[in-house]
Amino acid sequence: MRTTGYIVWGILIGKKGKLEEMCIDFVVKLDAKLYLNF
């Protein structure tokens, strides 16, 4: 649930450019790490 908030936050901030992609990419990688750890 927390991750969804980060994606929404990233999209809201990313309206100005590539930041949106970077945020989503970061969150996806972070998610992958968390899933691999569990």
C-alpha atoms as a PDB file:
ATOM      1  CA  MET A   1       0.000   0.000   0.000  1.00  0.00           C
ATOM      2  CA  ARG A   2       2.831   2.342   0.850  1.00  0.00           C
ATOM      3  CA  THR A   3       4.412   1.733  -2.554  1.00  0.00           C
ATOM      4  CA  THR A   4       1.283   2.944  -4.343  1.00  0.00           C
ATOM      5  CA  GLY A   5       1.626   6.223  -2.483  1.00  0.00           C
ATOM      6  CA  TYR A   6       5.185   6.583  -3.738  1.00  0.00           C
ATOM      7  CA  ILE A   7       4.084   5.947  -7.333  1.00  0.00           C
ATOM      8  CA  VAL A   8       1.277   8.520  -7.093  1.00  0.00           C
ATOM      9  CA  TRP A   9       3.703  10.979  -5.487  1.00  0.00           C
ATOM     10  CA  GLY A  10       6.232  10.306  -8.254  1.00  0.00           C
ATOM     11  CA  ILE A  11       3.630  10.876 -10.963  1.00  0.00           C
ATOM     12  CA  LEU A  12       2.437  14.132  -9.361  1.00  0.00           C
ATOM     13  CA  ILE A  13       5.989  15.483  -9.128  1.00  0.00           C
ATOM     14  CA  GLY A  14       7.014  13.993 -12.480  1.00  0.00           C
ATOM     15  CA  LYS A  15       4.643  16.187 -14.501  1.00  0.00           C
ATOM     16  CA  LYS A  16       7.652  18.403 -15.193  1.00  0.00           C
ATOM     17  CA  GLY A  17       9.686  15.751 -16.975  1.00  0.00           C
ATOM     18  CA  LYS A  18      11.638  12.542 -16.602  1.00  0.00           C
ATOM     19  CA  LEU A  19      11.411  12.584 -12.814  1.00  0.00           C
ATOM     20  CA  GLU A  20       8.225  10.520 -13.071  1.00  0.00           C
ATOM     21  CA  GLU A  21      10.057   7.713 -14.870  1.00  0.00           C
ATOM     22  CA  MET A  22      12.923   7.868 -12.394  1.00  0.00           C
ATOM     23  CA  CYS A  23      10.564   7.668  -9.390  1.00  0.00           C
ATOM     24  CA  ILE A  24       8.606   4.734 -10.802  1.00  0.00           C
ATOM     25  CA  ASP A  25      11.833   2.969 -11.835  1.00  0.00           C
ATOM     26  CA  PHE A  26      13.258   3.501  -8.340  1.00  0.00           C
ATOM     27  CA  VAL A  27      10.075   2.232  -6.674  1.00  0.00           C
ATOM     28  CA  VAL A  28       9.980  -0.842  -8.931  1.00  0.00           C
ATOM     29  CA  LYS A  29      13.611  -1.643  -8.095  1.00  0.00           C
ATOM     30  CA  LEU A  30      12.944  -1.045  -4.404  1.00  0.00           C
ATOM     31  CA  ASP A  31       9.921  -3.350  -4.585  1.00  0.00           C
ATOM     32  CA  ALA A  32      11.992  -6.048  -6.285  1.00  0.00           C
ATOM     33  CA  LYS A  33      14.587  -5.862  -3.501  1.00  0.00           C
ATOM     34  CA  LEU A  34      11.904  -6.109  -0.805  1.00  0.00           C
ATOM     35  CA  TYR A  35      10.254  -9.100  -2.504  1.00  0.00           C
ATOM     36  CA  LEU A  36      13.616 -10.853  -2.955  1.00  0.00           C
ATOM     37  CA  ASN A  37      14.426 -10.342   0.726  1.00  0.00           C
ATOM     38  CA  PHE A  38      11.110 -11.927   1.804  1.00  0.00           C
END
